[in-house]
Amino acid sequence: AYFGLLVATTVAFLAVRAPRRLLVRSWVLVGVTLAQGLI
């Protein structure tokens, strides 16, 4: 559920052309979440 919400939020940030620092942090969070799930 968290990962789905996170991906949806990141896509929304892309859709509204959010600032680069927000997009970078959001994508890093997606990566950290995937790594944590794999562990």
PDB file of all heavy atoms in Angstrom:
ATOM      1  N   ALA A   1       0.842  -1.204   0.000  1.00  0.00           N
ATOM      2  CA  ALA A   1       0.000   0.000   0.000  1.00  0.00           C
ATOM      3  C   ALA A   1       0.876   1.252   0.000  1.00  0.00           C
ATOM      4  O   ALA A   1       0.628   2.195  -0.765  1.00  0.00           O
ATOM      5  CB  ALA A   1      -0.936  -0.001   1.208  1.00  0.00           C
ATOM      6  N   TYR A   2       1.900   1.248   0.844  1.00  0.00           N
ATOM      7  CA  TYR A   2       2.811   2.394   0.911  1.00  0.00           C
ATOM      8  C   TYR A   2       3.511   2.600  -0.427  1.00  0.00           C
ATOM      9  O   TYR A   2       3.577   3.724  -0.935  1.00  0.00           O
ATOM     10  CB  TYR A   2       3.844   2.193   2.031  1.00  0.00           C
ATOM     11  CG  TYR A   2       4.838   3.319   2.099  1.00  0.00           C
ATOM     12  CD1 TYR A   2       4.455   4.572   2.571  1.00  0.00           C
ATOM     13  CD2 TYR A   2       6.146   3.146   1.669  1.00  0.00           C
ATOM     14  CE1 TYR A   2       5.364   5.630   2.615  1.00  0.00           C
ATOM     15  CE2 TYR A   2       7.048   4.194   1.707  1.00  0.00           C
ATOM     16  CZ  TYR A   2       6.653   5.430   2.173  1.00  0.00           C
ATOM     17  OH  TYR A   2       7.544   6.473   2.208  1.00  0.00           O
ATOM     18  N   PHE A   3       3.998   1.525  -1.002  1.00  0.00           N
ATOM     19  CA  PHE A   3       4.722   1.651  -2.266  1.00  0.00           C
ATOM     20  C   PHE A   3       3.804   2.174  -3.374  1.00  0.00           C
ATOM     21  O   PHE A   3       4.204   3.024  -4.171  1.00  0.00           O
ATOM     22  CB  PHE A   3       5.354   0.306  -2.660  1.00  0.00           C
ATOM     23  CG  PHE A   3       6.275   0.436  -3.830  1.00  0.00           C
ATOM     24  CD1 PHE A   3       7.497   1.074  -3.699  1.00  0.00           C
ATOM     25  CD2 PHE A   3       5.922  -0.063  -5.074  1.00  0.00           C
ATOM     26  CE1 PHE A   3       8.352   1.220  -4.787  1.00  0.00           C
ATOM     27  CE2 PHE A   3       6.765   0.071  -6.160  1.00  0.00           C
ATOM     28  CZ  PHE A   3       7.984   0.718  -6.013  1.00  0.00           C
ATOM     29  N   GLY A   4       2.572   1.696  -3.411  1.00  0.00           N
ATOM     30  CA  GLY A   4       1.620   2.183  -4.405  1.00  0.00           C
ATOM     31  C   GLY A   4       1.344   3.668  -4.249  1.00  0.00           C
ATOM     32  O   GLY A   4       1.327   4.421  -5.230  1.00  0.00           O
ATOM     33  N   LEU A   5       1.135   4.104  -3.012  1.00  0.00           N
ATOM     34  CA  LEU A   5       0.916   5.529  -2.751  1.00  0.00           C
ATOM     35  C   LEU A   5       2.146   6.357  -3.114  1.00  0.00           C
ATOM     36  O   LEU A   5       2.031   7.459  -3.671  1.00  0.00           O
ATOM     37  CB  LEU A   5       0.560   5.758  -1.284  1.00  0.00           C
ATOM     38  CG  LEU A   5      -0.826   5.320  -0.846  1.00  0.00           C
ATOM     39  CD1 LEU A   5      -0.933   5.337   0.676  1.00  0.00           C
ATOM     40  CD2 LEU A   5      -1.883   6.217  -1.472  1.00  0.00           C
ATOM     41  N   LEU A   6       3.309   5.812  -2.818  1.00  0.00           N
ATOM     42  CA  LEU A   6       4.554   6.510  -3.111  1.00  0.00           C
ATOM     43  C   LEU A   6       4.747   6.689  -4.615  1.00  0.00           C
ATOM     44  O   LEU A   6       5.095   7.778  -5.081  1.00  0.00           O
ATOM     45  CB  LEU A   6       5.730   5.744  -2.503  1.00  0.00           C
ATOM     46  CG  LEU A   6       7.121   6.292  -2.758  1.00  0.00           C
ATOM     47  CD1 LEU A   6       7.236   7.719  -2.255  1.00  0.00           C
ATOM     48  CD2 LEU A   6       8.148   5.391  -2.094  1.00  0.00           C
ATOM     49  N   VAL A   7       4.503   5.641  -5.374  1.00  0.00           N
ATOM     50  CA  VAL A   7       4.629   5.738  -6.830  1.00  0.00           C
ATOM     51  C   VAL A   7       3.597   6.720  -7.382  1.00  0.00           C
ATOM     52  O   VAL A   7       3.916   7.562  -8.227  1.00  0.00           O
ATOM     53  CB  VAL A   7       4.506   4.346  -7.492  1.00  0.00           C
ATOM     54  CG1 VAL A   7       4.367   4.465  -8.999  1.00  0.00           C
ATOM     55  CG2 VAL A   7       5.714   3.483  -7.136  1.00  0.00           C
ATOM     56  N   ALA A   8       2.374   6.660  -6.895  1.00  0.00           N
ATOM     57  CA  ALA A   8       1.334   7.593  -7.350  1.00  0.00           C
ATOM     58  C   ALA A   8       1.717   9.038  -7.029  1.00  0.00           C
ATOM     59  O   ALA A   8       1.531   9.934  -7.864  1.00  0.00           O
ATOM     60  CB  ALA A   8      -0.006   7.239  -6.706  1.00  0.00           C
ATOM     61  N   THR A   9       2.260   9.261  -5.857  1.00  0.00           N
ATOM     62  CA  THR A   9       2.685  10.606  -5.474  1.00  0.00           C
ATOM     63  C   THR A   9       3.819  11.096  -6.359  1.00  0.00           C
ATOM     64  O   THR A   9       3.826  12.243  -6.811  1.00  0.00           O
ATOM     65  CB  THR A   9       3.116  10.632  -3.991  1.00  0.00           C
ATOM     66  OG1 THR A   9       2.016  10.212  -3.187  1.00  0.00           O
ATOM     67  CG2 THR A   9       3.571  12.014  -3.558  1.00  0.00           C
ATOM     68  N   THR A  10       4.772  10.219  -6.643  1.00  0.00           N
ATOM     69  CA  THR A  10       5.904  10.589  -7.495  1.00  0.00           C
ATOM     70  C   THR A  10       5.434  10.917  -8.906  1.00  0.00           C
ATOM     71  O   THR A  10       5.883  11.900  -9.507  1.00  0.00           O
ATOM     72  CB  THR A  10       6.951   9.460  -7.505  1.00  0.00           C
ATOM     73  OG1 THR A  10       7.366   9.207  -6.162  1.00  0.00           O
ATOM     74  CG2 THR A  10       8.171   9.832  -8.337  1.00  0.00           C
ATOM     75  N   VAL A  11       4.513  10.132  -9.434  1.00  0.00           N
ATOM     76  CA  VAL A  11       3.947  10.419 -10.758  1.00  0.00           C
ATOM     77  C   VAL A  11       3.205  11.756 -10.732  1.00  0.00           C
ATOM     78  O   VAL A  11       3.300  12.547 -11.679  1.00  0.00           O
ATOM     79  CB  VAL A  11       3.040   9.262 -11.234  1.00  0.00           C
ATOM     80  CG1 VAL A  11       2.245   9.644 -12.464  1.00  0.00           C
ATOM     81  CG2 VAL A  11       3.874   8.016 -11.504  1.00  0.00           C
ATOM     82  N   ALA A  12       2.488  12.035  -9.664  1.00  0.00           N
ATOM     83  CA  ALA A  12       1.800  13.328  -9.535  1.00  0.00           C
ATOM     84  C   ALA A  12       2.809  14.473  -9.519  1.00  0.00           C
ATOM     85  O   ALA A  12       2.575  15.518 -10.144  1.00  0.00           O
ATOM     86  CB  ALA A  12       0.946  13.347  -8.274  1.00  0.00           C
ATOM     87  N   PHE A  13       3.937  14.278  -8.833  1.00  0.00           N
ATOM     88  CA  PHE A  13       4.984  15.310  -8.833  1.00  0.00           C
ATOM     89  C   PHE A  13       5.497  15.549 -10.248  1.00  0.00           C
ATOM     90  O   PHE A  13       5.745  16.687 -10.648  1.00  0.00           O
ATOM     91  CB  PHE A  13       6.148  14.912  -7.917  1.00  0.00           C
ATOM     92  CG  PHE A  13       5.840  14.953  -6.445  1.00  0.00           C
ATOM     93  CD1 PHE A  13       6.587  14.175  -5.562  1.00  0.00           C
ATOM     94  CD2 PHE A  13       4.830  15.747  -5.926  1.00  0.00           C
ATOM     95  CE1 PHE A  13       6.335  14.208  -4.201  1.00  0.00           C
ATOM     96  CE2 PHE A  13       4.566  15.783  -4.564  1.00  0.00           C
ATOM     97  CZ  PHE A  13       5.325  15.008  -3.695  1.00  0.00           C
ATOM     98  N   LEU A  14       5.654  14.472 -11.010  1.00  0.00           N
ATOM     99  CA  LEU A  14       6.072  14.621 -12.409  1.00  0.00           C
ATOM    100  C   LEU A  14       5.018  15.381 -13.212  1.00  0.00           C
ATOM    101  O   LEU A  14       5.349  16.246 -14.033  1.00  0.00           O
ATOM    102  CB  LEU A  14       6.308  13.243 -13.042  1.00  0.00           C
ATOM    103  CG  LEU A  14       7.567  12.500 -12.626  1.00  0.00           C
ATOM    104  CD1 LEU A  14       7.511  11.049 -13.106  1.00  0.00           C
ATOM    105  CD2 LEU A  14       8.805  13.200 -13.173  1.00  0.00           C
ATOM    106  N   ALA A  15       3.756  15.055 -12.980  1.00  0.00           N
ATOM    107  CA  ALA A  15       2.663  15.660 -13.744  1.00  0.00           C
ATOM    108  C   ALA A  15       2.567  17.162 -13.527  1.00  0.00           C
ATOM    109  O   ALA A  15       2.209  17.899 -14.449  1.00  0.00           O
ATOM    110  CB  ALA A  15       1.338  14.999 -13.377  1.00  0.00           C
ATOM    111  N   VAL A  16       2.880  17.623 -12.325  1.00  0.00           N
ATOM    112  CA  VAL A  16       2.784  19.055 -12.045  1.00  0.00           C
ATOM    113  C   VAL A  16       4.129  19.757 -12.194  1.00  0.00           C
ATOM    114  O   VAL A  16       4.259  20.931 -11.840  1.00  0.00           O
ATOM    115  CB  VAL A  16       2.199  19.324 -10.632  1.00  0.00           C
ATOM    116  CG1 VAL A  16       0.787  18.790 -10.522  1.00  0.00           C
ATOM    117  CG2 VAL A  16       3.103  18.791  -9.538  1.00  0.00           C
ATOM    118  N   ARG A  17       5.095  19.032 -12.718  1.00  0.00           N
ATOM    119  CA  ARG A  17       6.446  19.587 -12.937  1.00  0.00           C
ATOM    120  C   ARG A  17       7.021  20.167 -11.636  1.00  0.00           C
ATOM    121  O   ARG A  17       7.413  21.336 -11.566  1.00  0.00           O
ATOM    122  CB  ARG A  17       6.435  20.617 -14.049  1.00  0.00           C
ATOM    123  CG  ARG A  17       6.104  20.011 -15.385  1.00  0.00           C
ATOM    124  CD  ARG A  17       6.346  21.008 -16.498  1.00  0.00           C
ATOM    125  NE  ARG A  17       6.227  20.318 -17.768  1.00  0.00           N
ATOM    126  CZ  ARG A  17       5.195  20.485 -18.600  1.00  0.00           C
ATOM    127  NH1 ARG A  17       4.201  21.292 -18.287  1.00  0.00           N
ATOM    128  NH2 ARG A  17       5.168  19.832 -19.742  1.00  0.00           N
ATOM    129  N   ALA A  18       7.034  19.319 -10.631  1.00  0.00           N
ATOM    130  CA  ALA A  18       7.568  19.710  -9.329  1.00  0.00           C
ATOM    131  C   ALA A  18       9.051  20.056  -9.459  1.00  0.00           C
ATOM    132  O   ALA A  18       9.715  19.616 -10.405  1.00  0.00           O
ATOM    133  CB  ALA A  18       7.384  18.569  -8.329  1.00  0.00           C
ATOM    134  N   PRO A  19       9.573  20.810  -8.506  1.00  0.00           N
ATOM    135  CA  PRO A  19      10.998  21.156  -8.548  1.00  0.00           C
ATOM    136  C   PRO A  19      11.884  19.911  -8.559  1.00  0.00           C
ATOM    137  O   PRO A  19      11.538  18.870  -7.990  1.00  0.00           O
ATOM    138  CB  PRO A  19      11.216  21.954  -7.255  1.00  0.00           C
ATOM    139  CG  PRO A  19       9.864  22.457  -6.884  1.00  0.00           C
ATOM    140  CD  PRO A  19       8.887  21.423  -7.382  1.00  0.00           C
ATOM    141  N   ARG A  20      13.036  20.056  -9.193  1.00  0.00           N
ATOM    142  CA  ARG A  20      13.972  18.929  -9.354  1.00  0.00           C
ATOM    143  C   ARG A  20      14.345  18.292  -8.015  1.00  0.00           C
ATOM    144  O   ARG A  20      14.394  17.082  -7.898  1.00  0.00           O
ATOM    145  CB  ARG A  20      15.217  19.402 -10.093  1.00  0.00           C
ATOM    146  CG  ARG A  20      16.258  18.321 -10.268  1.00  0.00           C
ATOM    147  CD  ARG A  20      17.371  18.739 -11.214  1.00  0.00           C
ATOM    148  NE  ARG A  20      18.530  17.910 -11.152  1.00  0.00           N
ATOM    149  CZ  ARG A  20      18.596  16.631 -11.498  1.00  0.00           C
ATOM    150  NH1 ARG A  20      17.524  16.031 -11.933  1.00  0.00           N
ATOM    151  NH2 ARG A  20      19.717  15.956 -11.408  1.00  0.00           N
ATOM    152  N   ARG A  21      14.583  19.096  -6.995  1.00  0.00           N
ATOM    153  CA  ARG A  21      15.006  18.523  -5.702  1.00  0.00           C
ATOM    154  C   ARG A  21      13.915  17.622  -5.122  1.00  0.00           C
ATOM    155  O   ARG A  21      14.210  16.616  -4.492  1.00  0.00           O
ATOM    156  CB  ARG A  21      15.411  19.610  -4.716  1.00  0.00           C
ATOM    157  CG  ARG A  21      14.273  20.441  -4.192  1.00  0.00           C
ATOM    158  CD  ARG A  21      14.787  21.601  -3.324  1.00  0.00           C
ATOM    159  NE  ARG A  21      13.662  22.448  -3.000  1.00  0.00           N
ATOM    160  CZ  ARG A  21      13.040  22.436  -1.833  1.00  0.00           C
ATOM    161  NH1 ARG A  21      13.464  21.672  -0.864  1.00  0.00           N
ATOM    162  NH2 ARG A  21      12.004  23.220  -1.626  1.00  0.00           N
ATOM    163  N   LEU A  22      12.662  17.974  -5.341  1.00  0.00           N
ATOM    164  CA  LEU A  22      11.559  17.141  -4.858  1.00  0.00           C
ATOM    165  C   LEU A  22      11.487  15.845  -5.657  1.00  0.00           C
ATOM    166  O   LEU A  22      11.311  14.765  -5.088  1.00  0.00           O
ATOM    167  CB  LEU A  22      10.239  17.903  -4.940  1.00  0.00           C
ATOM    168  CG  LEU A  22       8.980  17.141  -4.514  1.00  0.00           C
ATOM    169  CD1 LEU A  22       9.112  16.605  -3.091  1.00  0.00           C
ATOM    170  CD2 LEU A  22       7.765  18.050  -4.632  1.00  0.00           C
ATOM    171  N   LEU A  23      11.638  15.933  -6.959  1.00  0.00           N
ATOM    172  CA  LEU A  23      11.619  14.725  -7.799  1.00  0.00           C
ATOM    173  C   LEU A  23      12.773  13.788  -7.456  1.00  0.00           C
ATOM    174  O   LEU A  23      12.581  12.573  -7.343  1.00  0.00           O
ATOM    175  CB  LEU A  23      11.670  15.112  -9.280  1.00  0.00           C
ATOM    176  CG  LEU A  23      10.416  15.767  -9.824  1.00  0.00           C
ATOM    177  CD1 LEU A  23      10.654  16.307 -11.227  1.00  0.00           C
ATOM    178  CD2 LEU A  23       9.247  14.799  -9.805  1.00  0.00           C
ATOM    179  N   VAL A  24      13.956  14.348  -7.285  1.00  0.00           N
ATOM    180  CA  VAL A  24      15.123  13.518  -6.945  1.00  0.00           C
ATOM    181  C   VAL A  24      14.899  12.816  -5.612  1.00  0.00           C
ATOM    182  O   VAL A  24      15.103  11.601  -5.492  1.00  0.00           O
ATOM    183  CB  VAL A  24      16.413  14.364  -6.920  1.00  0.00           C
ATOM    184  CG1 VAL A  24      17.569  13.589  -6.296  1.00  0.00           C
ATOM    185  CG2 VAL A  24      16.779  14.814  -8.337  1.00  0.00           C
ATOM    186  N   ARG A  25      14.449  13.553  -4.619  1.00  0.00           N
ATOM    187  CA  ARG A  25      14.211  12.950  -3.303  1.00  0.00           C
ATOM    188  C   ARG A  25      13.120  11.877  -3.377  1.00  0.00           C
ATOM    189  O   ARG A  25      13.209  10.844  -2.722  1.00  0.00           O
ATOM    190  CB  ARG A  25      13.828  14.012  -2.286  1.00  0.00           C
ATOM    191  CG  ARG A  25      14.979  14.906  -1.904  1.00  0.00           C
ATOM    192  CD  ARG A  25      14.582  15.951  -0.913  1.00  0.00           C
ATOM    193  NE  ARG A  25      15.671  16.885  -0.680  1.00  0.00           N
ATOM    194  CZ  ARG A  25      15.668  17.789   0.274  1.00  0.00           C
ATOM    195  NH1 ARG A  25      14.631  17.885   1.092  1.00  0.00           N
ATOM    196  NH2 ARG A  25      16.687  18.595   0.419  1.00  0.00           N
ATOM    197  N   SER A  26      12.108  12.133  -4.185  1.00  0.00           N
ATOM    198  CA  SER A  26      11.028  11.165  -4.320  1.00  0.00           C
ATOM    199  C   SER A  26      11.528   9.877  -4.976  1.00  0.00           C
ATOM    200  O   SER A  26      11.187   8.774  -4.540  1.00  0.00           O
ATOM    201  CB  SER A  26       9.888  11.795  -5.127  1.00  0.00           C
ATOM    202  OG  SER A  26       8.728  11.031  -5.021  1.00  0.00           O
ATOM    203  N   TRP A  27      12.325  10.005  -6.020  1.00  0.00           N
ATOM    204  CA  TRP A  27      12.870   8.810  -6.676  1.00  0.00           C
ATOM    205  C   TRP A  27      13.838   8.060  -5.763  1.00  0.00           C
ATOM    206  O   TRP A  27      13.882   6.826  -5.771  1.00  0.00           O
ATOM    207  CB  TRP A  27      13.532   9.158  -8.003  1.00  0.00           C
ATOM    208  CG  TRP A  27      12.537   9.428  -9.094  1.00  0.00           C
ATOM    209  CD1 TRP A  27      12.341  10.595  -9.758  1.00  0.00           C
ATOM    210  CD2 TRP A  27      11.568   8.506  -9.632  1.00  0.00           C
ATOM    211  NE1 TRP A  27      11.319  10.455 -10.668  1.00  0.00           N
ATOM    212  CE2 TRP A  27      10.831   9.194 -10.612  1.00  0.00           C
ATOM    213  CE3 TRP A  27      11.254   7.179  -9.359  1.00  0.00           C
ATOM    214  CZ2 TRP A  27       9.804   8.597 -11.333  1.00  0.00           C
ATOM    215  CZ3 TRP A  27      10.231   6.581 -10.076  1.00  0.00           C
ATOM    216  CH2 TRP A  27       9.517   7.279 -11.051  1.00  0.00           C
ATOM    217  N   VAL A  28      14.616   8.802  -4.973  1.00  0.00           N
ATOM    218  CA  VAL A  28      15.500   8.137  -3.995  1.00  0.00           C
ATOM    219  C   VAL A  28      14.651   7.347  -3.006  1.00  0.00           C
ATOM    220  O   VAL A  28      14.986   6.200  -2.663  1.00  0.00           O
ATOM    221  CB  VAL A  28      16.404   9.165  -3.276  1.00  0.00           C
ATOM    222  CG1 VAL A  28      17.111   8.541  -2.073  1.00  0.00           C
ATOM    223  CG2 VAL A  28      17.426   9.742  -4.248  1.00  0.00           C
ATOM    224  N   LEU A  29      13.548   7.920  -2.566  1.00  0.00           N
ATOM    225  CA  LEU A  29      12.647   7.214  -1.639  1.00  0.00           C
ATOM    226  C   LEU A  29      12.073   5.957  -2.292  1.00  0.00           C
ATOM    227  O   LEU A  29      11.963   4.913  -1.629  1.00  0.00           O
ATOM    228  CB  LEU A  29      11.534   8.139  -1.156  1.00  0.00           C
ATOM    229  CG  LEU A  29      10.525   7.530  -0.173  1.00  0.00           C
ATOM    230  CD1 LEU A  29      11.220   6.955   1.059  1.00  0.00           C
ATOM    231  CD2 LEU A  29       9.488   8.575   0.222  1.00  0.00           C
ATOM    232  N   VAL A  30      11.724   6.025  -3.555  1.00  0.00           N
ATOM    233  CA  VAL A  30      11.253   4.829  -4.264  1.00  0.00           C
ATOM    234  C   VAL A  30      12.341   3.750  -4.225  1.00  0.00           C
ATOM    235  O   VAL A  30      12.064   2.581  -3.914  1.00  0.00           O
ATOM    236  CB  VAL A  30      10.844   5.159  -5.720  1.00  0.00           C
ATOM    237  CG1 VAL A  30      10.642   3.898  -6.538  1.00  0.00           C
ATOM    238  CG2 VAL A  30       9.584   6.016  -5.744  1.00  0.00           C
ATOM    239  N   GLY A  31      13.580   4.130  -4.495  1.00  0.00           N
ATOM    240  CA  GLY A  31      14.690   3.161  -4.473  1.00  0.00           C
ATOM    241  C   GLY A  31      14.939   2.580  -3.094  1.00  0.00           C
ATOM    242  O   GLY A  31      15.130   1.367  -2.943  1.00  0.00           O
ATOM    243  N   VAL A  32      14.927   3.431  -2.074  1.00  0.00           N
ATOM    244  CA  VAL A  32      15.127   2.967  -0.694  1.00  0.00           C
ATOM    245  C   VAL A  32      14.002   2.013  -0.294  1.00  0.00           C
ATOM    246  O   VAL A  32      14.243   0.973   0.337  1.00  0.00           O
ATOM    247  CB  VAL A  32      15.220   4.163   0.277  1.00  0.00           C
ATOM    248  CG1 VAL A  32      15.130   3.718   1.725  1.00  0.00           C
ATOM    249  CG2 VAL A  32      16.503   4.944   0.039  1.00  0.00           C
ATOM    250  N   THR A  33      12.784   2.340  -0.697  1.00  0.00           N
ATOM    251  CA  THR A  33      11.627   1.497  -0.368  1.00  0.00           C
ATOM    252  C   THR A  33      11.743   0.137  -1.053  1.00  0.00           C
ATOM    253  O   THR A  33      11.476  -0.904  -0.432  1.00  0.00           O
ATOM    254  CB  THR A  33      10.321   2.205  -0.760  1.00  0.00           C
ATOM    255  OG1 THR A  33      10.264   3.467  -0.091  1.00  0.00           O
ATOM    256  CG2 THR A  33       9.109   1.378  -0.366  1.00  0.00           C
ATOM    257  N   LEU A  34      12.149   0.125  -2.313  1.00  0.00           N
ATOM    258  CA  LEU A  34      12.351  -1.152  -3.014  1.00  0.00           C
ATOM    259  C   LEU A  34      13.438  -1.983  -2.337  1.00  0.00           C
ATOM    260  O   LEU A  34      13.269  -3.197  -2.144  1.00  0.00           O
ATOM    261  CB  LEU A  34      12.714  -0.906  -4.479  1.00  0.00           C
ATOM    262  CG  LEU A  34      11.568  -0.523  -5.401  1.00  0.00           C
ATOM    263  CD1 LEU A  34      12.105  -0.109  -6.777  1.00  0.00           C
ATOM    264  CD2 LEU A  34      10.591  -1.681  -5.541  1.00  0.00           C
ATOM    265  N   ALA A  35      14.545  -1.344  -1.975  1.00  0.00           N
ATOM    266  CA  ALA A  35      15.638  -2.057  -1.300  1.00  0.00           C
ATOM    267  C   ALA A  35      15.177  -2.623   0.037  1.00  0.00           C
ATOM    268  O   ALA A  35      15.474  -3.776   0.381  1.00  0.00           O
ATOM    269  CB  ALA A  35      16.834  -1.120  -1.099  1.00  0.00           C
ATOM    270  N   GLN A  36      14.437  -1.838   0.788  1.00  0.00           N
ATOM    271  CA  GLN A  36      13.931  -2.273   2.092  1.00  0.00           C
ATOM    272  C   GLN A  36      12.973  -3.455   1.927  1.00  0.00           C
ATOM    273  O   GLN A  36      13.007  -4.414   2.707  1.00  0.00           O
ATOM    274  CB  GLN A  36      13.258  -1.093   2.799  1.00  0.00           C
ATOM    275  CG  GLN A  36      12.697  -1.395   4.150  1.00  0.00           C
ATOM    276  CD  GLN A  36      13.746  -1.703   5.205  1.00  0.00           C
ATOM    277  OE1 GLN A  36      14.888  -2.015   4.930  1.00  0.00           O
ATOM    278  NE2 GLN A  36      13.326  -1.644   6.444  1.00  0.00           N
ATOM    279  N   GLY A  37      12.113  -3.382   0.926  1.00  0.00           N
ATOM    280  CA  GLY A  37      11.198  -4.497   0.661  1.00  0.00           C
ATOM    281  C   GLY A  37      11.949  -5.765   0.281  1.00  0.00           C
ATOM    282  O   GLY A  37      11.600  -6.862   0.723  1.00  0.00           O
ATOM    283  N   LEU A  38      12.989  -5.611  -0.524  1.00  0.00           N
ATOM    284  CA  LEU A  38      13.796  -6.769  -0.927  1.00  0.00           C
ATOM    285  C   LEU A  38      14.489  -7.396   0.282  1.00  0.00           C
ATOM    286  O   LEU A  38      14.498  -8.624   0.433  1.00  0.00           O
ATOM    287  CB  LEU A  38      14.814  -6.355  -1.982  1.00  0.00           C
ATOM    288  CG  LEU A  38      15.724  -7.459  -2.500  1.00  0.00           C
ATOM    289  CD1 LEU A  38      14.904  -8.554  -3.198  1.00  0.00           C
ATOM    290  CD2 LEU A  38      16.762  -6.893  -3.456  1.00  0.00           C
ATOM    291  N   ILE A  39      15.039  -6.561   1.142  1.00  0.00           N
ATOM    292  CA  ILE A  39      15.673  -7.081   2.363  1.00  0.00           C
ATOM    293  C   ILE A  39      14.646  -7.856   3.190  1.00  0.00           C
ATOM    294  O   ILE A  39      14.934  -8.940   3.696  1.00  0.00           O
ATOM    295  CB  ILE A  39      16.298  -5.944   3.199  1.00  0.00           C
ATOM    296  CG1 ILE A  39      17.484  -5.330   2.470  1.00  0.00           C
ATOM    297  CG2 ILE A  39      16.731  -6.452   4.579  1.00  0.00           C
ATOM    298  CD1 ILE A  39      17.974  -4.019   3.073  1.00  0.00           C
TER     299      ILE A  39
END
